[in-house]
N, C-alpha and C. Protein backbone atom coordinates (compact mmCIF):
# COMPACT_ATOMS: atom_id res chain seq x y z
N UNK A 1 -34.68 -86.38 15.42
CA UNK A 1 -34.56 -85.33 16.44
C UNK A 1 -35.86 -85.28 17.24
N UNK A 2 -35.77 -85.33 18.54
CA UNK A 2 -36.97 -85.32 19.38
C UNK A 2 -37.58 -83.93 19.49
N UNK A 3 -38.89 -83.90 19.74
CA UNK A 3 -39.56 -82.62 19.95
C UNK A 3 -39.11 -82.02 21.26
N UNK A 4 -38.95 -80.70 21.34
CA UNK A 4 -38.57 -80.05 22.59
C UNK A 4 -39.67 -80.12 23.62
N UNK A 5 -39.33 -79.93 24.87
CA UNK A 5 -40.28 -79.89 25.95
C UNK A 5 -40.76 -78.45 26.15
N UNK A 6 -42.04 -78.33 26.55
CA UNK A 6 -42.60 -77.03 26.90
C UNK A 6 -43.19 -77.14 28.29
N UNK A 7 -43.80 -76.04 28.76
CA UNK A 7 -44.44 -76.05 30.06
C UNK A 7 -45.60 -77.06 30.12
N UNK A 8 -46.16 -77.40 28.97
CA UNK A 8 -47.27 -78.35 28.94
C UNK A 8 -46.84 -79.74 28.50
N UNK A 9 -45.52 -79.99 28.41
CA UNK A 9 -45.03 -81.31 28.04
C UNK A 9 -44.47 -81.34 26.63
N UNK A 10 -44.26 -82.55 26.11
CA UNK A 10 -43.66 -82.70 24.79
C UNK A 10 -44.60 -82.20 23.69
N UNK A 11 -44.03 -81.57 22.68
CA UNK A 11 -44.83 -81.09 21.57
C UNK A 11 -45.29 -82.21 20.68
N UNK A 12 -46.43 -82.08 20.00
CA UNK A 12 -46.98 -83.18 19.20
C UNK A 12 -46.40 -83.26 17.79
N UNK A 13 -45.07 -83.18 17.71
CA UNK A 13 -44.38 -83.34 16.41
C UNK A 13 -42.95 -83.74 16.67
N UNK A 14 -42.29 -84.16 15.59
CA UNK A 14 -40.86 -84.53 15.67
C UNK A 14 -40.11 -83.70 14.65
N UNK A 15 -39.09 -82.98 15.10
CA UNK A 15 -38.29 -82.14 14.20
C UNK A 15 -37.35 -83.03 13.41
N UNK A 16 -37.37 -82.86 12.08
CA UNK A 16 -36.49 -83.65 11.20
C UNK A 16 -35.22 -82.87 10.87
N UNK A 17 -35.35 -81.53 10.68
CA UNK A 17 -34.16 -80.74 10.35
C UNK A 17 -34.46 -79.26 10.64
N UNK A 18 -33.39 -78.50 10.92
CA UNK A 18 -33.46 -77.06 11.10
C UNK A 18 -32.33 -76.43 10.29
N UNK A 19 -32.66 -75.48 9.46
CA UNK A 19 -31.68 -74.83 8.60
C UNK A 19 -31.75 -73.33 8.74
N UNK A 20 -30.67 -72.68 9.06
CA UNK A 20 -30.63 -71.22 9.13
C UNK A 20 -30.44 -70.65 7.72
N UNK A 21 -31.44 -69.91 7.27
CA UNK A 21 -31.41 -69.32 5.93
C UNK A 21 -30.77 -67.93 5.94
N UNK A 22 -30.94 -67.20 7.04
CA UNK A 22 -30.41 -65.85 7.13
C UNK A 22 -30.20 -65.51 8.60
N UNK A 23 -29.12 -64.81 8.91
CA UNK A 23 -28.89 -64.36 10.25
C UNK A 23 -28.32 -62.98 10.22
N UNK A 24 -29.06 -62.02 10.70
CA UNK A 24 -28.66 -60.61 10.77
C UNK A 24 -29.35 -60.02 11.97
N UNK A 25 -30.05 -58.87 11.76
CA UNK A 25 -30.89 -58.32 12.84
C UNK A 25 -31.92 -59.38 13.27
N UNK A 26 -32.45 -60.08 12.31
CA UNK A 26 -33.36 -61.19 12.59
C UNK A 26 -32.75 -62.49 12.07
N UNK A 27 -33.34 -63.60 12.50
CA UNK A 27 -32.93 -64.92 12.01
C UNK A 27 -34.09 -65.56 11.28
N UNK A 28 -33.79 -66.08 10.07
CA UNK A 28 -34.81 -66.80 9.33
C UNK A 28 -34.38 -68.27 9.24
N UNK A 29 -35.24 -69.13 9.71
CA UNK A 29 -34.91 -70.55 9.81
C UNK A 29 -35.99 -71.39 9.15
N UNK A 30 -35.57 -72.43 8.42
CA UNK A 30 -36.50 -73.41 7.86
C UNK A 30 -36.49 -74.66 8.74
N UNK A 31 -37.67 -74.99 9.26
CA UNK A 31 -37.83 -76.15 10.10
C UNK A 31 -38.70 -77.20 9.39
N UNK A 32 -38.18 -78.39 9.25
CA UNK A 32 -38.94 -79.47 8.66
C UNK A 32 -39.31 -80.45 9.78
N UNK A 33 -40.58 -80.80 9.87
CA UNK A 33 -41.04 -81.62 10.99
C UNK A 33 -42.09 -82.62 10.52
N UNK A 34 -42.27 -83.63 11.34
CA UNK A 34 -43.30 -84.65 11.07
C UNK A 34 -44.31 -84.65 12.20
N UNK A 35 -45.54 -84.70 11.87
CA UNK A 35 -46.61 -84.77 12.86
C UNK A 35 -47.66 -85.79 12.42
N UNK A 36 -48.47 -86.21 13.36
CA UNK A 36 -49.59 -87.10 13.06
C UNK A 36 -50.84 -86.27 13.00
N UNK A 37 -51.54 -86.34 11.85
CA UNK A 37 -52.76 -85.57 11.66
C UNK A 37 -53.89 -86.15 12.51
N UNK A 38 -54.98 -85.41 12.61
CA UNK A 38 -56.12 -85.86 13.44
C UNK A 38 -56.75 -87.16 12.93
N UNK A 39 -56.53 -87.49 11.64
CA UNK A 39 -57.07 -88.76 11.12
C UNK A 39 -56.08 -89.92 11.29
N UNK A 40 -54.93 -89.64 11.98
CA UNK A 40 -53.98 -90.68 12.27
C UNK A 40 -52.86 -90.85 11.27
N UNK A 41 -52.90 -90.14 10.15
CA UNK A 41 -51.89 -90.28 9.12
C UNK A 41 -50.70 -89.36 9.41
N UNK A 42 -49.47 -89.82 9.11
CA UNK A 42 -48.29 -88.95 9.31
C UNK A 42 -48.19 -87.89 8.21
N UNK A 43 -47.58 -86.77 8.55
CA UNK A 43 -47.49 -85.70 7.58
C UNK A 43 -46.16 -84.91 7.84
N UNK A 44 -45.39 -84.74 6.77
CA UNK A 44 -44.13 -84.00 6.85
C UNK A 44 -44.34 -82.62 6.24
N UNK A 45 -43.87 -81.60 6.96
CA UNK A 45 -44.11 -80.24 6.50
C UNK A 45 -42.90 -79.35 6.85
N UNK A 46 -42.71 -78.27 6.08
CA UNK A 46 -41.62 -77.32 6.36
C UNK A 46 -42.22 -75.92 6.51
N UNK A 47 -41.72 -75.17 7.49
CA UNK A 47 -42.11 -73.76 7.70
C UNK A 47 -40.84 -72.90 7.75
N UNK A 48 -40.95 -71.70 7.23
CA UNK A 48 -39.92 -70.68 7.48
C UNK A 48 -40.37 -69.85 8.68
N UNK A 49 -39.48 -69.67 9.66
CA UNK A 49 -39.81 -68.96 10.90
C UNK A 49 -38.83 -67.81 11.07
N UNK A 50 -39.36 -66.62 11.27
CA UNK A 50 -38.53 -65.44 11.54
C UNK A 50 -38.48 -65.18 13.03
N UNK A 51 -37.31 -64.87 13.54
CA UNK A 51 -37.16 -64.59 14.97
C UNK A 51 -36.23 -63.39 15.17
N UNK A 52 -36.71 -62.36 15.86
CA UNK A 52 -35.84 -61.22 16.16
C UNK A 52 -35.82 -60.92 17.65
N UNK A 53 -36.25 -61.86 18.45
CA UNK A 53 -36.22 -61.69 19.91
C UNK A 53 -37.57 -61.34 20.47
N UNK A 54 -37.57 -61.12 21.79
CA UNK A 54 -38.80 -60.80 22.51
C UNK A 54 -38.84 -59.31 22.80
N UNK A 55 -40.02 -58.78 23.13
CA UNK A 55 -40.14 -57.33 23.23
C UNK A 55 -41.10 -56.98 24.37
N UNK A 56 -41.08 -55.70 24.71
CA UNK A 56 -42.00 -55.14 25.68
C UNK A 56 -42.54 -53.81 25.14
N UNK A 57 -43.79 -53.49 25.49
CA UNK A 57 -44.45 -52.28 25.04
C UNK A 57 -45.19 -51.68 26.20
N UNK A 58 -45.42 -50.35 26.14
CA UNK A 58 -46.12 -49.72 27.25
C UNK A 58 -46.92 -48.51 26.74
N UNK A 59 -48.12 -48.38 27.26
CA UNK A 59 -48.98 -47.22 27.00
C UNK A 59 -49.04 -46.36 28.25
N UNK A 60 -48.29 -45.26 28.31
CA UNK A 60 -48.41 -44.34 29.45
C UNK A 60 -49.63 -43.44 29.29
N UNK A 61 -50.38 -43.28 30.36
CA UNK A 61 -51.60 -42.46 30.29
C UNK A 61 -51.75 -41.67 31.61
N UNK A 62 -52.33 -40.48 31.48
CA UNK A 62 -52.57 -39.59 32.61
C UNK A 62 -54.08 -39.61 32.87
N UNK A 63 -54.54 -40.18 33.98
CA UNK A 63 -55.99 -40.26 34.21
C UNK A 63 -56.65 -38.90 34.53
N UNK A 64 -55.85 -37.93 34.93
CA UNK A 64 -56.40 -36.61 35.23
C UNK A 64 -56.66 -35.81 33.99
N UNK A 65 -55.63 -35.72 33.11
CA UNK A 65 -55.80 -34.98 31.86
C UNK A 65 -56.44 -35.83 30.78
N UNK A 66 -56.52 -37.13 31.02
CA UNK A 66 -57.07 -38.12 30.06
C UNK A 66 -56.34 -38.04 28.73
N UNK A 67 -55.01 -38.07 28.84
CA UNK A 67 -54.15 -38.07 27.66
C UNK A 67 -53.14 -39.19 27.75
N UNK A 68 -52.67 -39.67 26.62
CA UNK A 68 -51.70 -40.73 26.55
C UNK A 68 -50.53 -40.29 25.68
N UNK A 69 -49.39 -40.99 25.88
CA UNK A 69 -48.20 -40.68 25.10
C UNK A 69 -47.91 -41.87 24.20
N UNK A 70 -47.75 -41.56 22.90
CA UNK A 70 -47.40 -42.57 21.90
C UNK A 70 -46.23 -42.03 21.08
N UNK A 71 -45.81 -42.82 20.09
CA UNK A 71 -44.70 -42.42 19.24
C UNK A 71 -45.00 -42.72 17.78
N UNK A 72 -44.27 -42.01 16.92
CA UNK A 72 -44.31 -42.29 15.47
C UNK A 72 -42.90 -42.38 14.99
N UNK A 73 -42.64 -43.37 14.10
CA UNK A 73 -41.33 -43.48 13.46
C UNK A 73 -41.47 -44.23 12.13
N UNK A 74 -40.46 -44.14 11.32
CA UNK A 74 -40.52 -44.74 9.99
C UNK A 74 -40.63 -46.28 10.12
N UNK A 75 -41.60 -46.85 9.44
CA UNK A 75 -41.79 -48.31 9.39
C UNK A 75 -41.77 -48.69 7.91
N UNK A 76 -40.66 -49.28 7.48
CA UNK A 76 -40.46 -49.57 6.06
C UNK A 76 -41.40 -50.58 5.46
N UNK A 77 -41.73 -51.70 6.14
CA UNK A 77 -42.58 -52.72 5.48
C UNK A 77 -43.92 -52.19 4.99
N UNK A 78 -44.63 -51.38 5.81
CA UNK A 78 -45.92 -50.90 5.32
C UNK A 78 -45.76 -49.83 4.26
N UNK A 79 -44.65 -49.09 4.26
CA UNK A 79 -44.38 -48.13 3.22
C UNK A 79 -44.25 -48.83 1.87
N UNK A 80 -43.56 -49.98 1.87
CA UNK A 80 -43.37 -50.75 0.63
C UNK A 80 -44.67 -51.38 0.12
N UNK A 81 -45.67 -51.47 1.02
CA UNK A 81 -46.98 -52.00 0.64
C UNK A 81 -47.98 -50.88 0.38
N UNK A 82 -47.53 -49.63 0.38
CA UNK A 82 -48.40 -48.51 0.02
C UNK A 82 -49.13 -47.86 1.20
N UNK A 83 -48.84 -48.25 2.45
CA UNK A 83 -49.47 -47.67 3.62
C UNK A 83 -48.61 -46.55 4.17
N UNK A 84 -49.19 -45.76 5.08
CA UNK A 84 -48.50 -44.68 5.72
C UNK A 84 -47.30 -45.25 6.51
N UNK A 85 -46.10 -44.81 6.22
CA UNK A 85 -44.92 -45.38 6.93
C UNK A 85 -44.77 -44.85 8.35
N UNK A 86 -45.44 -43.76 8.70
CA UNK A 86 -45.33 -43.18 10.05
C UNK A 86 -46.47 -43.64 10.90
N UNK A 87 -46.41 -44.84 11.41
CA UNK A 87 -47.51 -45.44 12.17
C UNK A 87 -47.50 -44.99 13.61
N UNK A 88 -48.69 -44.69 14.15
CA UNK A 88 -48.83 -44.31 15.55
C UNK A 88 -48.76 -45.61 16.38
N UNK A 89 -47.86 -45.64 17.38
CA UNK A 89 -47.64 -46.83 18.16
C UNK A 89 -47.41 -46.51 19.63
N UNK A 90 -47.63 -47.53 20.48
CA UNK A 90 -47.17 -47.43 21.83
C UNK A 90 -45.65 -47.55 21.88
N UNK A 91 -45.05 -47.07 22.92
CA UNK A 91 -43.59 -47.21 23.11
C UNK A 91 -43.28 -48.69 23.19
N UNK A 92 -42.19 -49.11 22.52
CA UNK A 92 -41.86 -50.53 22.53
C UNK A 92 -40.39 -50.75 22.14
N UNK A 93 -39.86 -51.88 22.52
CA UNK A 93 -38.49 -52.24 22.15
C UNK A 93 -38.18 -53.68 22.52
N UNK A 94 -37.09 -54.16 21.97
CA UNK A 94 -36.66 -55.55 22.22
C UNK A 94 -35.97 -55.69 23.56
N UNK A 95 -36.15 -56.83 24.18
CA UNK A 95 -35.41 -57.15 25.38
C UNK A 95 -33.94 -57.25 25.00
N UNK A 96 -33.07 -56.62 25.82
CA UNK A 96 -31.63 -56.61 25.51
C UNK A 96 -31.02 -58.00 25.60
N UNK A 97 -31.57 -58.83 26.45
CA UNK A 97 -31.10 -60.21 26.60
C UNK A 97 -32.29 -61.11 26.92
N UNK A 98 -32.15 -62.39 26.70
CA UNK A 98 -33.25 -63.30 26.82
C UNK A 98 -33.91 -63.31 28.20
N UNK A 99 -33.10 -63.08 29.24
CA UNK A 99 -33.64 -63.15 30.58
C UNK A 99 -33.93 -61.78 31.19
N UNK A 100 -33.91 -60.74 30.38
CA UNK A 100 -34.21 -59.39 30.89
C UNK A 100 -35.68 -59.31 31.32
N UNK A 101 -35.97 -58.67 32.43
CA UNK A 101 -37.33 -58.43 32.87
C UNK A 101 -38.01 -57.52 31.86
N UNK A 102 -39.16 -57.93 31.29
CA UNK A 102 -39.83 -57.07 30.31
C UNK A 102 -40.20 -55.69 30.87
N UNK A 103 -40.44 -55.63 32.20
CA UNK A 103 -40.74 -54.33 32.79
C UNK A 103 -39.55 -53.39 32.68
N UNK A 104 -38.34 -53.95 32.85
CA UNK A 104 -37.12 -53.16 32.72
C UNK A 104 -37.01 -52.61 31.28
N UNK A 105 -37.34 -53.47 30.30
CA UNK A 105 -37.31 -53.03 28.91
C UNK A 105 -38.33 -51.91 28.68
N UNK A 106 -39.52 -52.08 29.19
CA UNK A 106 -40.55 -51.05 28.99
C UNK A 106 -40.14 -49.72 29.57
N UNK A 107 -39.54 -49.74 30.74
CA UNK A 107 -39.10 -48.49 31.38
C UNK A 107 -37.95 -47.83 30.56
N UNK A 108 -37.02 -48.67 30.12
CA UNK A 108 -35.89 -48.12 29.36
C UNK A 108 -36.38 -47.52 28.04
N UNK A 109 -37.28 -48.18 27.36
CA UNK A 109 -37.77 -47.67 26.08
C UNK A 109 -38.59 -46.43 26.28
N UNK A 110 -39.36 -46.34 27.37
CA UNK A 110 -40.15 -45.15 27.62
C UNK A 110 -39.27 -43.93 27.81
N UNK A 111 -38.13 -44.13 28.43
CA UNK A 111 -37.19 -43.05 28.63
C UNK A 111 -36.52 -42.68 27.28
N UNK A 112 -36.04 -43.68 26.55
CA UNK A 112 -35.32 -43.45 25.30
C UNK A 112 -36.24 -42.83 24.23
N UNK A 113 -37.44 -43.39 24.08
CA UNK A 113 -38.31 -42.97 22.98
C UNK A 113 -39.14 -41.74 23.32
N UNK A 114 -39.63 -41.66 24.58
CA UNK A 114 -40.58 -40.62 24.91
C UNK A 114 -40.12 -39.70 26.05
N UNK A 115 -38.96 -39.97 26.64
CA UNK A 115 -38.46 -39.15 27.73
C UNK A 115 -39.26 -39.26 29.00
N UNK A 116 -39.90 -40.42 29.21
CA UNK A 116 -40.79 -40.61 30.34
C UNK A 116 -40.14 -41.50 31.40
N UNK A 117 -40.21 -41.07 32.67
CA UNK A 117 -39.80 -41.91 33.81
C UNK A 117 -41.05 -42.56 34.36
N UNK A 118 -41.16 -43.89 34.25
CA UNK A 118 -42.36 -44.58 34.65
C UNK A 118 -42.22 -45.17 36.03
N UNK A 119 -43.33 -45.27 36.73
CA UNK A 119 -43.41 -45.94 38.02
C UNK A 119 -43.99 -47.33 37.84
N UNK A 120 -45.13 -47.55 38.45
CA UNK A 120 -45.79 -48.85 38.39
C UNK A 120 -46.26 -49.19 36.97
N UNK A 121 -46.08 -50.45 36.60
CA UNK A 121 -46.56 -50.97 35.34
C UNK A 121 -47.61 -52.06 35.60
N UNK A 122 -48.67 -52.00 34.87
CA UNK A 122 -49.72 -53.03 34.98
C UNK A 122 -49.74 -53.83 33.67
N UNK A 123 -49.59 -55.15 33.80
CA UNK A 123 -49.53 -55.99 32.61
C UNK A 123 -50.91 -56.12 31.96
N UNK A 124 -50.97 -55.76 30.68
CA UNK A 124 -52.19 -56.01 29.91
C UNK A 124 -52.22 -57.44 29.38
N UNK A 125 -51.05 -57.94 28.99
CA UNK A 125 -50.96 -59.31 28.51
C UNK A 125 -49.67 -59.54 27.77
N UNK A 126 -49.29 -60.80 27.62
CA UNK A 126 -48.09 -61.19 26.84
C UNK A 126 -48.64 -61.86 25.55
N UNK A 127 -48.46 -61.17 24.42
CA UNK A 127 -49.12 -61.56 23.20
C UNK A 127 -48.13 -61.94 22.12
N UNK A 128 -48.62 -62.70 21.16
CA UNK A 128 -47.80 -63.08 19.99
C UNK A 128 -48.48 -62.50 18.76
N UNK A 129 -47.90 -61.51 18.13
CA UNK A 129 -48.54 -60.80 17.03
C UNK A 129 -48.84 -61.62 15.79
N UNK A 130 -47.93 -62.56 15.46
CA UNK A 130 -48.12 -63.37 14.24
C UNK A 130 -47.56 -64.76 14.48
N UNK A 131 -48.28 -65.59 15.24
CA UNK A 131 -47.72 -66.90 15.69
C UNK A 131 -47.44 -67.93 14.60
N UNK A 132 -48.07 -67.74 13.43
CA UNK A 132 -47.85 -68.70 12.37
C UNK A 132 -46.53 -68.51 11.67
N UNK A 133 -45.85 -67.39 11.84
CA UNK A 133 -44.64 -67.10 11.10
C UNK A 133 -43.51 -66.55 11.96
N UNK A 134 -43.86 -65.80 13.00
CA UNK A 134 -42.87 -65.03 13.75
C UNK A 134 -42.78 -65.52 15.17
N UNK A 135 -41.54 -65.62 15.72
CA UNK A 135 -41.33 -66.09 17.07
C UNK A 135 -41.52 -65.02 18.14
N UNK A 136 -41.84 -63.79 17.75
CA UNK A 136 -41.89 -62.69 18.69
C UNK A 136 -43.01 -62.85 19.73
N UNK A 137 -42.67 -62.53 20.99
CA UNK A 137 -43.63 -62.42 22.08
C UNK A 137 -43.46 -61.06 22.69
N UNK A 138 -44.59 -60.34 22.90
CA UNK A 138 -44.54 -58.96 23.40
C UNK A 138 -45.31 -58.84 24.70
N UNK A 139 -44.62 -58.38 25.74
CA UNK A 139 -45.29 -58.07 27.00
C UNK A 139 -45.81 -56.61 26.91
N UNK A 140 -47.14 -56.43 27.02
CA UNK A 140 -47.76 -55.14 26.86
C UNK A 140 -48.21 -54.61 28.21
N UNK A 141 -47.81 -53.38 28.56
CA UNK A 141 -48.12 -52.81 29.86
C UNK A 141 -48.90 -51.50 29.73
N UNK A 142 -49.62 -51.19 30.79
CA UNK A 142 -50.24 -49.90 30.98
C UNK A 142 -49.52 -49.19 32.10
N UNK A 143 -49.30 -47.90 31.95
CA UNK A 143 -48.59 -47.13 33.00
C UNK A 143 -49.31 -45.85 33.30
N UNK A 144 -49.93 -45.78 34.49
CA UNK A 144 -50.58 -44.57 34.92
C UNK A 144 -49.55 -43.57 35.41
N UNK A 145 -49.56 -42.35 34.85
CA UNK A 145 -48.55 -41.34 35.18
C UNK A 145 -49.19 -39.97 35.32
N UNK A 146 -48.45 -39.09 35.98
CA UNK A 146 -48.70 -37.66 35.93
C UNK A 146 -47.76 -37.13 34.85
N UNK A 147 -48.31 -36.81 33.70
CA UNK A 147 -47.43 -36.47 32.57
C UNK A 147 -46.58 -35.24 32.84
N UNK A 148 -47.06 -34.31 33.62
CA UNK A 148 -46.28 -33.11 33.94
C UNK A 148 -45.01 -33.47 34.68
N UNK A 149 -45.09 -34.50 35.55
CA UNK A 149 -43.94 -34.92 36.33
C UNK A 149 -43.11 -36.00 35.66
N UNK A 150 -43.76 -36.85 34.90
CA UNK A 150 -43.10 -38.00 34.31
C UNK A 150 -42.22 -37.66 33.11
N UNK A 151 -42.54 -36.56 32.42
CA UNK A 151 -41.78 -36.18 31.23
C UNK A 151 -40.51 -35.46 31.68
N UNK A 152 -39.39 -36.18 31.70
CA UNK A 152 -38.13 -35.66 32.25
C UNK A 152 -37.06 -35.48 31.19
N UNK A 153 -37.35 -35.87 29.94
CA UNK A 153 -36.38 -35.74 28.85
C UNK A 153 -37.12 -35.58 27.54
N UNK A 154 -36.40 -35.30 26.46
CA UNK A 154 -37.01 -35.06 25.19
C UNK A 154 -37.46 -36.34 24.49
N UNK A 155 -36.75 -37.45 24.75
CA UNK A 155 -37.08 -38.66 24.02
C UNK A 155 -36.55 -38.60 22.60
N UNK A 156 -37.20 -39.29 21.70
CA UNK A 156 -36.78 -39.27 20.29
C UNK A 156 -35.96 -40.45 19.86
N UNK A 157 -35.57 -41.34 20.81
CA UNK A 157 -34.82 -42.51 20.44
C UNK A 157 -33.33 -42.27 20.49
N UNK A 158 -32.58 -43.31 20.11
CA UNK A 158 -31.12 -43.27 20.12
C UNK A 158 -30.57 -42.99 18.73
N UNK A 159 -29.84 -41.88 18.60
CA UNK A 159 -29.32 -41.48 17.31
C UNK A 159 -28.37 -42.53 16.73
N UNK A 160 -27.57 -43.19 17.61
CA UNK A 160 -26.60 -44.16 17.07
C UNK A 160 -27.26 -45.41 16.55
N UNK A 161 -28.56 -45.61 16.88
CA UNK A 161 -29.33 -46.72 16.35
C UNK A 161 -30.18 -46.29 15.13
N UNK A 162 -30.00 -45.04 14.74
CA UNK A 162 -30.73 -44.52 13.58
C UNK A 162 -32.16 -44.16 13.86
N UNK A 163 -32.53 -44.03 15.15
CA UNK A 163 -33.92 -43.75 15.49
C UNK A 163 -34.18 -42.22 15.36
N UNK A 164 -35.35 -41.90 14.87
CA UNK A 164 -35.80 -40.52 14.73
C UNK A 164 -37.29 -40.54 15.05
N UNK A 165 -37.62 -40.47 16.36
CA UNK A 165 -38.95 -40.79 16.86
C UNK A 165 -39.68 -39.52 17.23
N UNK A 166 -40.91 -39.38 16.76
CA UNK A 166 -41.77 -38.27 17.16
C UNK A 166 -42.60 -38.71 18.37
N UNK A 167 -42.59 -37.88 19.39
CA UNK A 167 -43.43 -38.14 20.60
C UNK A 167 -44.78 -37.47 20.39
N UNK A 168 -45.85 -38.23 20.57
CA UNK A 168 -47.20 -37.75 20.33
C UNK A 168 -48.01 -37.88 21.62
N UNK A 169 -48.59 -36.75 22.07
CA UNK A 169 -49.54 -36.76 23.19
C UNK A 169 -50.94 -36.61 22.64
N UNK A 170 -51.84 -37.49 23.03
CA UNK A 170 -53.17 -37.55 22.44
C UNK A 170 -54.23 -37.77 23.48
N UNK A 171 -55.39 -37.10 23.30
CA UNK A 171 -56.54 -37.35 24.18
C UNK A 171 -56.96 -38.82 24.02
N UNK A 172 -57.33 -39.42 25.17
CA UNK A 172 -57.72 -40.82 25.15
C UNK A 172 -58.96 -41.06 24.25
N UNK A 173 -59.89 -40.12 24.25
CA UNK A 173 -61.07 -40.30 23.39
C UNK A 173 -60.68 -40.28 21.92
N UNK A 174 -59.73 -39.44 21.56
CA UNK A 174 -59.25 -39.39 20.18
C UNK A 174 -58.49 -40.66 19.85
N UNK A 175 -57.71 -41.19 20.80
CA UNK A 175 -56.98 -42.41 20.58
C UNK A 175 -57.94 -43.60 20.39
N UNK A 176 -59.00 -43.64 21.17
CA UNK A 176 -60.00 -44.70 21.02
C UNK A 176 -60.67 -44.63 19.63
N UNK A 177 -60.96 -43.43 19.18
CA UNK A 177 -61.57 -43.27 17.85
C UNK A 177 -60.59 -43.72 16.76
N UNK A 178 -59.31 -43.45 16.95
CA UNK A 178 -58.29 -43.89 16.01
C UNK A 178 -58.26 -45.41 15.92
N UNK A 179 -58.32 -46.06 17.08
CA UNK A 179 -58.30 -47.53 17.12
C UNK A 179 -59.59 -48.10 16.49
N UNK A 180 -60.72 -47.42 16.78
CA UNK A 180 -62.01 -47.92 16.21
C UNK A 180 -62.03 -47.81 14.70
N UNK A 181 -61.33 -46.85 14.11
CA UNK A 181 -61.29 -46.76 12.64
C UNK A 181 -60.54 -47.94 12.06
N UNK A 182 -59.56 -48.45 12.76
CA UNK A 182 -58.90 -49.73 12.39
C UNK A 182 -58.14 -49.73 11.11
N UNK A 183 -57.69 -48.59 10.61
CA UNK A 183 -56.97 -48.55 9.35
C UNK A 183 -55.47 -48.39 9.61
N UNK A 184 -54.65 -49.29 9.04
CA UNK A 184 -53.19 -49.21 9.20
C UNK A 184 -52.85 -49.17 10.70
N UNK A 185 -53.38 -50.12 11.44
CA UNK A 185 -53.32 -50.08 12.91
C UNK A 185 -52.31 -51.10 13.42
N UNK A 186 -51.45 -50.63 14.34
CA UNK A 186 -50.47 -51.51 15.00
C UNK A 186 -51.19 -52.36 16.05
N UNK A 187 -50.95 -53.69 16.00
CA UNK A 187 -51.70 -54.63 16.82
C UNK A 187 -51.47 -54.41 18.31
N UNK A 188 -50.22 -54.24 18.73
CA UNK A 188 -49.93 -54.09 20.15
C UNK A 188 -50.54 -52.81 20.71
N UNK A 189 -50.61 -51.76 19.84
CA UNK A 189 -51.22 -50.52 20.26
C UNK A 189 -52.73 -50.69 20.42
N UNK A 190 -53.36 -51.36 19.50
CA UNK A 190 -54.79 -51.62 19.60
C UNK A 190 -55.11 -52.44 20.86
N UNK A 191 -54.28 -53.44 21.15
CA UNK A 191 -54.49 -54.26 22.32
C UNK A 191 -54.35 -53.45 23.58
N UNK A 192 -53.34 -52.60 23.67
CA UNK A 192 -53.14 -51.76 24.87
C UNK A 192 -54.34 -50.84 25.10
N UNK A 193 -54.75 -50.17 24.04
CA UNK A 193 -55.84 -49.21 24.16
C UNK A 193 -57.14 -49.91 24.53
N UNK A 194 -57.42 -51.03 23.89
CA UNK A 194 -58.69 -51.72 24.20
C UNK A 194 -58.66 -52.29 25.61
N UNK A 195 -57.50 -52.73 26.10
CA UNK A 195 -57.42 -53.19 27.47
C UNK A 195 -57.67 -52.05 28.45
N UNK A 196 -57.10 -50.88 28.18
CA UNK A 196 -57.35 -49.72 29.04
C UNK A 196 -58.82 -49.32 29.01
N UNK A 197 -59.49 -49.44 27.87
CA UNK A 197 -60.91 -49.08 27.77
C UNK A 197 -61.76 -50.03 28.62
N UNK A 198 -61.38 -51.29 28.68
CA UNK A 198 -62.12 -52.28 29.47
C UNK A 198 -61.86 -52.03 30.98
N UNK A 199 -60.63 -51.77 31.34
CA UNK A 199 -60.29 -51.61 32.73
C UNK A 199 -60.66 -50.23 33.31
N UNK A 200 -60.58 -49.21 32.46
CA UNK A 200 -60.84 -47.84 32.93
C UNK A 200 -61.79 -47.13 31.98
N UNK A 201 -63.01 -47.59 31.84
CA UNK A 201 -63.91 -47.00 30.86
C UNK A 201 -64.26 -45.55 31.15
N UNK A 202 -64.16 -45.15 32.42
CA UNK A 202 -64.49 -43.78 32.78
C UNK A 202 -63.57 -42.74 32.17
N UNK A 203 -62.39 -43.18 31.72
CA UNK A 203 -61.43 -42.27 31.13
C UNK A 203 -61.79 -41.89 29.70
N UNK A 204 -62.70 -42.61 29.11
CA UNK A 204 -63.03 -42.40 27.68
C UNK A 204 -64.40 -41.77 27.47
N UNK A 205 -65.05 -41.37 28.57
CA UNK A 205 -66.39 -40.81 28.46
C UNK A 205 -66.41 -39.38 27.93
């Protein structure tokens, strides 16, 4: 089986087999491939890869009040590892379909989770949280808003999807201190906050 093409050309390996181990909300696949090592010798290797689609995230912030809107909801994996299951995060969600505009996803999730109607979105970056294992790619945005006008609904997520989301409004200085402590921290949230600190440092003084 030939290696697939990418934007930068053929990949430096040859796929030998692909096996679906599980398919539900996510897909777990075992891929066996052959590559040539840097010393010129061939090497066959297998990886298990988890894929649950692509996602978008957004940090809405009010530059006048210097406050941001985030969410908390139950996160089972860290609870099973002994960490706080109610992690503070930026608004985020999966793209409904592969070709959906990530900005559309970010706006939809902001309304569903936080009751916010967003205008302009500024891209912080398109990041891969765990590229060695997970196929997820997340488009992370910053959204400047007037919170008094942008909050048009209660939020809280979709009940039929089992969501029970707490909307949290926080001072940007407090949010920065939370990120700096770095304990039980969501990566996309840290990235969004640090990008805003670089682009708009005057908001954190």
